[in-house]
Amino acid sequence: MNPYYLSKYFKSKTGENFSDYLTRIRMNTAAELLKDIKYKTYEVSEMVGYSSAKNFTRTFRKYFGQSPKEFRNME
């Protein structure tokens, strides 16, 4: 299936871009995992599909307005 077509189809059915959907799912899952202190931030980043902890932290900060460490300290 053509990626362009699939992207358009997904948006027409859900009202959001696939990449936005994927980011939302990853960030909400990461937030739940960060509540458990047995996981280090880089482990959470890998668990939700990021190969780079730096990219994960950047995306997390953009999504939640705070770093994973700040988020964890508030819990």
Protein backbone atom coordinates (compact mmCIF):
# COMPACT_ATOMS: atom_id res chain seq x y z
CA MET A 1 0.00 0.00 0.00
CA ASN A 2 1.24 3.46 -0.86
CA PRO A 3 2.37 5.37 2.30
CA TYR A 4 0.88 8.63 1.00
CA TYR A 5 -2.51 6.99 0.43
CA LEU A 6 -2.42 5.27 3.80
CA SER A 7 -1.62 8.56 5.54
CA LYS A 8 -4.51 10.34 3.80
CA TYR A 9 -6.87 7.47 4.57
CA PHE A 10 -5.85 7.42 8.24
CA LYS A 11 -6.44 11.16 8.56
CA SER A 12 -9.81 10.96 6.83
CA LYS A 13 -10.98 8.28 9.27
CA THR A 14 -9.46 9.59 12.51
CA GLY A 15 -9.06 13.32 11.94
CA GLU A 16 -5.39 13.28 12.91
CA ASN A 17 -2.10 12.55 11.19
CA PHE A 18 -0.61 9.13 11.78
CA SER A 19 2.60 10.67 13.13
CA ASP A 20 0.61 12.74 15.65
CA TYR A 21 -1.32 9.64 16.68
CA LEU A 22 1.88 7.66 17.15
CA THR A 23 3.49 10.44 19.19
CA ARG A 24 0.40 10.68 21.42
CA ILE A 25 0.40 6.94 22.09
CA ARG A 26 4.16 6.89 22.75
CA MET A 27 4.08 9.90 25.09
CA ASN A 28 1.10 8.66 27.11
CA THR A 29 2.74 5.24 27.46
CA ALA A 30 6.03 6.89 28.46
CA ALA A 31 4.25 8.97 31.12
CA GLU A 32 2.81 5.81 32.64
CA LEU A 33 6.18 4.03 32.55
CA LEU A 34 7.95 6.99 34.15
CA LYS A 35 5.71 6.65 37.18
CA ASP A 36 7.56 3.41 37.94
CA ILE A 37 10.99 4.39 39.26
CA LYS A 38 12.51 1.02 38.39
CA TYR A 39 12.89 2.22 34.78
CA LYS A 40 15.56 4.69 33.81
CA THR A 41 14.62 7.40 31.32
CA TYR A 42 16.69 5.86 28.53
CA GLU A 43 14.97 2.51 29.15
CA VAL A 44 11.55 4.14 28.85
CA SER A 45 12.65 5.83 25.62
CA GLU A 46 13.61 2.44 24.16
CA MET A 47 10.40 0.82 25.41
CA VAL A 48 8.24 3.33 23.54
CA GLY A 49 10.23 3.08 20.31
CA TYR A 50 12.95 5.74 20.40
CA SER A 51 16.49 4.73 19.50
CA SER A 52 17.83 8.01 20.90
CA ALA A 53 17.13 9.13 24.47
CA LYS A 54 17.91 12.69 23.38
CA ASN A 55 15.15 12.64 20.74
CA PHE A 56 12.78 11.09 23.26
CA THR A 57 13.51 13.82 25.81
CA ARG A 58 13.03 16.53 23.19
CA THR A 59 9.68 15.09 22.09
CA PHE A 60 8.54 14.53 25.68
CA ARG A 61 9.35 18.13 26.60
CA LYS A 62 7.49 19.43 23.54
CA TYR A 63 4.46 17.24 24.30
CA PHE A 64 4.20 17.73 28.10
CA GLY A 65 6.06 21.02 28.59
CA GLN A 66 8.62 19.45 30.90
CA SER A 67 11.43 16.93 30.75
CA PRO A 68 10.90 13.29 31.73
CA LYS A 69 12.95 13.94 34.89
CA GLU A 70 10.79 16.93 35.85
CA PHE A 71 7.67 14.87 35.15
CA ARG A 72 8.92 12.03 37.33
CA ASN A 73 9.81 14.39 40.19
CA MET A 74 6.26 15.77 40.20
CA GLU A 75 4.76 12.31 40.72
